[in-house]
């Protein structure tokens, strides 16, 4: 619950810094940047925090030589790109999470509201959107599609492990 409160406040006070623009220019293509900039300001700020932590964390991994910084940064920056299509604002997200918690998951299970369903399916939507603009790297697409599937991840996918850890912290 503390994580959700932190996430709520970070969503409200999200900022865009000069070094964030440098990250975009360094790691994303023109078409990826264009798509990234369509995300809500709070989602972009979250992705920047995830990316910065992921880059710092690479040095702490035993198998550092197996993790490419550019690929990891791209995974982190684009992991929530599926929210471009159907997004919820910070207040709506908070309400959905609280209602779903109070109804022990039944709210989402029986909800037919397209924006909410698509918001919760943003990993699959994100993968599809990236494929449409020409992103075919299997590691990146796998990470985008599975970043909320911590239980079902492949044991040896270091990119996804790191992405999930950094996403959970931010």
C-alpha atoms as a PDB file:
ATOM      1  CA  UNK A   1       0.000   0.000   0.000  1.00  0.00           C
ATOM      2  CA  UNK A   2       2.905   2.380   0.732  1.00  0.00           C
ATOM      3  CA  UNK A   3       4.160   1.725  -2.807  1.00  0.00           C
ATOM      4  CA  UNK A   4       0.770   2.757  -4.230  1.00  0.00           C
ATOM      5  CA  UNK A   5       0.706   5.957  -2.147  1.00  0.00           C
ATOM      6  CA  UNK A   6       4.225   6.814  -3.335  1.00  0.00           C
ATOM      7  CA  UNK A   7       3.181   6.058  -6.926  1.00  0.00           C
ATOM      8  CA  UNK A   8       0.133   8.326  -6.560  1.00  0.00           C
ATOM      9  CA  UNK A   9       2.164  11.310  -5.359  1.00  0.00           C
ATOM     10  CA  UNK A  10       4.884  10.775  -7.961  1.00  0.00           C
ATOM     11  CA  UNK A  11       2.161  10.713 -10.614  1.00  0.00           C
ATOM     12  CA  UNK A  12       0.796  14.045  -9.462  1.00  0.00           C
ATOM     13  CA  UNK A  13       4.146  15.829  -9.182  1.00  0.00           C
ATOM     14  CA  UNK A  14       5.889  14.268 -12.181  1.00  0.00           C
ATOM     15  CA  UNK A  15       8.607  16.368 -13.746  1.00  0.00           C
ATOM     16  CA  UNK A  16      10.499  16.311 -17.028  1.00  0.00           C
ATOM     17  CA  UNK A  17      14.217  17.074 -16.668  1.00  0.00           C
ATOM     18  CA  UNK A  18      16.844  18.038 -19.269  1.00  0.00           C
ATOM     19  CA  UNK A  19      18.700  14.763 -18.754  1.00  0.00           C
ATOM     20  CA  UNK A  20      15.475  12.928 -19.648  1.00  0.00           C
ATOM     21  CA  UNK A  21      15.675  14.388 -23.159  1.00  0.00           C
ATOM     22  CA  UNK A  22      19.273  13.162 -23.360  1.00  0.00           C
ATOM     23  CA  UNK A  23      18.085   9.641 -22.418  1.00  0.00           C
ATOM     24  CA  UNK A  24      15.502   9.681 -25.186  1.00  0.00           C
ATOM     25  CA  UNK A  25      18.012  10.857 -27.780  1.00  0.00           C
ATOM     26  CA  UNK A  26      20.594   8.314 -26.635  1.00  0.00           C
ATOM     27  CA  UNK A  27      18.406   5.213 -26.518  1.00  0.00           C
ATOM     28  CA  UNK A  28      15.299   5.626 -28.700  1.00  0.00           C
ATOM     29  CA  UNK A  29      14.773   5.947 -32.434  1.00  0.00           C
ATOM     30  CA  UNK A  30      12.760   8.824 -33.862  1.00  0.00           C
ATOM     31  CA  UNK A  31       9.591   6.700 -34.180  1.00  0.00           C
ATOM     32  CA  UNK A  32      10.014   5.313 -30.641  1.00  0.00           C
ATOM     33  CA  UNK A  33      10.455   8.846 -29.247  1.00  0.00           C
ATOM     34  CA  UNK A  34       7.342  10.006 -31.077  1.00  0.00           C
ATOM     35  CA  UNK A  35       5.339   7.166 -29.533  1.00  0.00           C
ATOM     36  CA  UNK A  36       6.924   7.726 -26.104  1.00  0.00           C
ATOM     37  CA  UNK A  37       5.941  11.406 -26.121  1.00  0.00           C
ATOM     38  CA  UNK A  38       2.284  10.407 -26.576  1.00  0.00           C
ATOM     39  CA  UNK A  39       2.237   8.903 -23.080  1.00  0.00           C
ATOM     40  CA  UNK A  40       0.885  10.918 -20.181  1.00  0.00           C
ATOM     41  CA  UNK A  41       3.434  13.072 -18.406  1.00  0.00           C
ATOM     42  CA  UNK A  42       3.218  10.916 -15.267  1.00  0.00           C
ATOM     43  CA  UNK A  43       3.803   7.702 -17.265  1.00  0.00           C
ATOM     44  CA  UNK A  44       6.803   9.260 -19.008  1.00  0.00           C
ATOM     45  CA  UNK A  45       8.280  10.366 -15.667  1.00  0.00           C
ATOM     46  CA  UNK A  46       7.755   6.846 -14.291  1.00  0.00           C
ATOM     47  CA  UNK A  47       9.523   5.343 -17.312  1.00  0.00           C
ATOM     48  CA  UNK A  48      12.460   7.722 -16.859  1.00  0.00           C
ATOM     49  CA  UNK A  49      12.817   6.685 -13.206  1.00  0.00           C
ATOM     50  CA  UNK A  50      12.678   2.997 -14.174  1.00  0.00           C
ATOM     51  CA  UNK A  51      15.298   3.553 -16.891  1.00  0.00           C
ATOM     52  CA  UNK A  52      17.705   5.457 -14.640  1.00  0.00           C
ATOM     53  CA  UNK A  53      17.484   2.787 -11.941  1.00  0.00           C
ATOM     54  CA  UNK A  54      17.921  -0.018 -14.480  1.00  0.00           C
ATOM     55  CA  UNK A  55      21.057   1.566 -15.936  1.00  0.00           C
ATOM     56  CA  UNK A  56      22.534   2.023 -12.454  1.00  0.00           C
ATOM     57  CA  UNK A  57      21.583  -1.545 -11.503  1.00  0.00           C
ATOM     58  CA  UNK A  58      23.293  -3.191 -14.456  1.00  0.00           C
ATOM     59  CA  UNK A  59      26.628  -2.921 -12.663  1.00  0.00           C
ATOM     60  CA  UNK A  60      25.255  -4.908  -9.708  1.00  0.00           C
ATOM     61  CA  UNK A  61      24.419  -7.974 -11.820  1.00  0.00           C
ATOM     62  CA  UNK A  62      26.671 -11.017 -11.782  1.00  0.00           C
ATOM     63  CA  UNK A  63      26.179 -11.529 -15.510  1.00  0.00           C
ATOM     64  CA  UNK A  64      26.777  -7.889 -16.448  1.00  0.00           C
ATOM     65  CA  UNK A  65      28.389  -8.853 -19.747  1.00  0.00           C
ATOM     66  CA  UNK A  66      25.058 -10.386 -20.804  1.00  0.00           C
ATOM     67  CA  UNK A  67      23.100  -7.134 -20.400  1.00  0.00           C
ATOM     68  CA  UNK A  68      23.372  -4.481 -23.125  1.00  0.00           C
ATOM     69  CA  UNK A  69      22.802  -1.021 -21.654  1.00  0.00           C
ATOM     70  CA  UNK A  70      20.983   0.314 -24.740  1.00  0.00           C
ATOM     71  CA  UNK A  71      18.610  -2.648 -24.873  1.00  0.00           C
ATOM     72  CA  UNK A  72      17.916  -2.414 -21.128  1.00  0.00           C
ATOM     73  CA  UNK A  73      17.247   1.323 -21.383  1.00  0.00           C
ATOM     74  CA  UNK A  74      14.907   0.789 -24.322  1.00  0.00           C
ATOM     75  CA  UNK A  75      12.976  -1.876 -22.370  1.00  0.00           C
ATOM     76  CA  UNK A  76      12.650   0.471 -19.406  1.00  0.00           C
ATOM     77  CA  UNK A  77      11.644   3.537 -21.390  1.00  0.00           C
ATOM     78  CA  UNK A  78       9.083   1.675 -23.503  1.00  0.00           C
ATOM     79  CA  UNK A  79       7.680  -0.806 -20.972  1.00  0.00           C
ATOM     80  CA  UNK A  80       4.398   1.129 -20.472  1.00  0.00           C
ATOM     81  CA  UNK A  81       4.024   2.303 -24.065  1.00  0.00           C
ATOM     82  CA  UNK A  82       0.735   0.386 -24.378  1.00  0.00           C
ATOM     83  CA  UNK A  83      -0.846   2.990 -22.097  1.00  0.00           C
ATOM     84  CA  UNK A  84      -0.737   5.442 -25.010  1.00  0.00           C
ATOM     85  CA  UNK A  85      -3.834   3.902 -26.533  1.00  0.00           C
ATOM     86  CA  UNK A  86      -6.039   3.914 -23.427  1.00  0.00           C
ATOM     87  CA  UNK A  87      -4.744   5.658 -20.342  1.00  0.00           C
ATOM     88  CA  UNK A  88      -6.150   6.523 -16.972  1.00  0.00           C
ATOM     89  CA  UNK A  89      -5.166   9.646 -15.097  1.00  0.00           C
ATOM     90  CA  UNK A  90      -3.598   9.418 -11.640  1.00  0.00           C
ATOM     91  CA  UNK A  91      -6.923   9.817  -9.800  1.00  0.00           C
ATOM     92  CA  UNK A  92      -8.659   7.197 -11.984  1.00  0.00           C
ATOM     93  CA  UNK A  93      -5.793   4.732 -11.435  1.00  0.00           C
ATOM     94  CA  UNK A  94      -5.991   5.236  -7.685  1.00  0.00           C
ATOM     95  CA  UNK A  95      -9.762   4.690  -7.662  1.00  0.00           C
ATOM     96  CA  UNK A  96      -9.563   1.547  -9.806  1.00  0.00           C
ATOM     97  CA  UNK A  97      -6.854   0.067  -7.580  1.00  0.00           C
ATOM     98  CA  UNK A  98      -8.794   0.848  -4.374  1.00  0.00           C
ATOM     99  CA  UNK A  99     -12.109  -0.476  -5.756  1.00  0.00           C
ATOM    100  CA  UNK A 100     -10.448  -3.624  -7.074  1.00  0.00           C
ATOM    101  CA  UNK A 101      -8.745  -4.181  -3.707  1.00  0.00           C
ATOM    102  CA  UNK A 102     -12.036  -3.727  -1.836  1.00  0.00           C
ATOM    103  CA  UNK A 103     -13.855  -6.135  -4.174  1.00  0.00           C
ATOM    104  CA  UNK A 104     -11.029  -8.709  -3.960  1.00  0.00           C
ATOM    105  CA  UNK A 105     -10.371  -8.588  -7.706  1.00  0.00           C
ATOM    106  CA  UNK A 106     -13.988  -8.860  -8.835  1.00  0.00           C
ATOM    107  CA  UNK A 107     -14.098  -5.275 -10.109  1.00  0.00           C
ATOM    108  CA  UNK A 108     -11.587  -5.976 -12.855  1.00  0.00           C
ATOM    109  CA  UNK A 109     -12.865  -9.469 -13.501  1.00  0.00           C
ATOM    110  CA  UNK A 110     -16.378  -8.266 -14.321  1.00  0.00           C
ATOM    111  CA  UNK A 111     -15.623  -4.771 -15.590  1.00  0.00           C
ATOM    112  CA  UNK A 112     -16.607  -4.159 -19.213  1.00  0.00           C
ATOM    113  CA  UNK A 113     -15.279  -0.585 -19.388  1.00  0.00           C
ATOM    114  CA  UNK A 114     -12.878  -0.624 -22.354  1.00  0.00           C
ATOM    115  CA  UNK A 115     -10.439   1.983 -20.976  1.00  0.00           C
ATOM    116  CA  UNK A 116      -9.938   0.006 -17.769  1.00  0.00           C
ATOM    117  CA  UNK A 117      -9.593  -3.350 -19.508  1.00  0.00           C
ATOM    118  CA  UNK A 118      -7.132  -1.950 -22.030  1.00  0.00           C
ATOM    119  CA  UNK A 119      -5.180  -0.143 -19.310  1.00  0.00           C
ATOM    120  CA  UNK A 120      -4.640  -3.473 -17.563  1.00  0.00           C
ATOM    121  CA  UNK A 121      -3.728  -5.112 -20.881  1.00  0.00           C
ATOM    122  CA  UNK A 122      -1.194  -2.414 -21.803  1.00  0.00           C
ATOM    123  CA  UNK A 123       1.728  -4.886 -21.954  1.00  0.00           C
ATOM    124  CA  UNK A 124       0.201  -6.766 -24.904  1.00  0.00           C
ATOM    125  CA  UNK A 125      -0.956  -3.521 -26.549  1.00  0.00           C
ATOM    126  CA  UNK A 126       2.539  -2.092 -26.107  1.00  0.00           C
ATOM    127  CA  UNK A 127       4.169  -5.063 -27.807  1.00  0.00           C
ATOM    128  CA  UNK A 128       1.763  -4.732 -30.746  1.00  0.00           C
ATOM    129  CA  UNK A 129       2.383  -0.978 -31.041  1.00  0.00           C
ATOM    130  CA  UNK A 130       6.155  -1.472 -31.078  1.00  0.00           C
ATOM    131  CA  UNK A 131       5.924  -4.165 -33.739  1.00  0.00           C
ATOM    132  CA  UNK A 132       3.903  -1.755 -35.901  1.00  0.00           C
ATOM    133  CA  UNK A 133       6.675   0.858 -35.791  1.00  0.00           C
ATOM    134  CA  UNK A 134       9.384  -1.688 -36.589  1.00  0.00           C
ATOM    135  CA  UNK A 135      10.723  -2.851 -33.223  1.00  0.00           C
ATOM    136  CA  UNK A 136      11.488  -6.547 -33.685  1.00  0.00           C
ATOM    137  CA  UNK A 137      14.086  -7.246 -30.977  1.00  0.00           C
ATOM    138  CA  UNK A 138      12.726 -10.351 -29.250  1.00  0.00           C
ATOM    139  CA  UNK A 139      14.155  -9.422 -25.817  1.00  0.00           C
ATOM    140  CA  UNK A 140      12.556  -5.971 -25.883  1.00  0.00           C
ATOM    141  CA  UNK A 141       9.184  -7.264 -27.076  1.00  0.00           C
ATOM    142  CA  UNK A 142       9.260 -10.080 -24.504  1.00  0.00           C
ATOM    143  CA  UNK A 143       9.982  -7.589 -21.703  1.00  0.00           C
ATOM    144  CA  UNK A 144       7.234  -5.198 -22.780  1.00  0.00           C
ATOM    145  CA  UNK A 145       4.675  -7.985 -23.059  1.00  0.00           C
ATOM    146  CA  UNK A 146       5.582  -9.676 -19.762  1.00  0.00           C
ATOM    147  CA  UNK A 147       6.620  -6.927 -17.354  1.00  0.00           C
ATOM    148  CA  UNK A 148       3.570  -7.609 -15.157  1.00  0.00           C
ATOM    149  CA  UNK A 149       3.942 -11.408 -15.272  1.00  0.00           C
ATOM    150  CA  UNK A 150       6.532 -11.853 -12.515  1.00  0.00           C
ATOM    151  CA  UNK A 151       5.260 -15.361 -11.793  1.00  0.00           C
ATOM    152  CA  UNK A 152       5.565 -16.611 -15.376  1.00  0.00           C
ATOM    153  CA  UNK A 153       8.908 -15.147 -16.421  1.00  0.00           C
ATOM    154  CA  UNK A 154      11.701 -17.136 -17.963  1.00  0.00           C
ATOM    155  CA  UNK A 155      14.371 -17.770 -15.337  1.00  0.00           C
ATOM    156  CA  UNK A 156      17.206 -16.701 -17.612  1.00  0.00           C
ATOM    157  CA  UNK A 157      15.805 -13.429 -18.973  1.00  0.00           C
ATOM    158  CA  UNK A 158      17.945 -10.859 -17.165  1.00  0.00           C
ATOM    159  CA  UNK A 159      16.325  -7.918 -18.957  1.00  0.00           C
ATOM    160  CA  UNK A 160      12.869  -8.840 -17.719  1.00  0.00           C
ATOM    161  CA  UNK A 161      14.066  -9.585 -14.182  1.00  0.00           C
ATOM    162  CA  UNK A 162      15.749  -6.204 -13.946  1.00  0.00           C
ATOM    163  CA  UNK A 163      12.811  -4.397 -15.565  1.00  0.00           C
ATOM    164  CA  UNK A 164      10.311  -5.905 -13.123  1.00  0.00           C
ATOM    165  CA  UNK A 165      12.497  -5.029 -10.132  1.00  0.00           C
ATOM    166  CA  UNK A 166      13.010  -1.429 -11.260  1.00  0.00           C
ATOM    167  CA  UNK A 167       9.335  -1.020 -12.261  1.00  0.00           C
ATOM    168  CA  UNK A 168       8.247  -2.237  -8.825  1.00  0.00           C
ATOM    169  CA  UNK A 169      10.514   0.329  -7.129  1.00  0.00           C
ATOM    170  CA  UNK A 170       9.207   3.228  -9.160  1.00  0.00           C
END
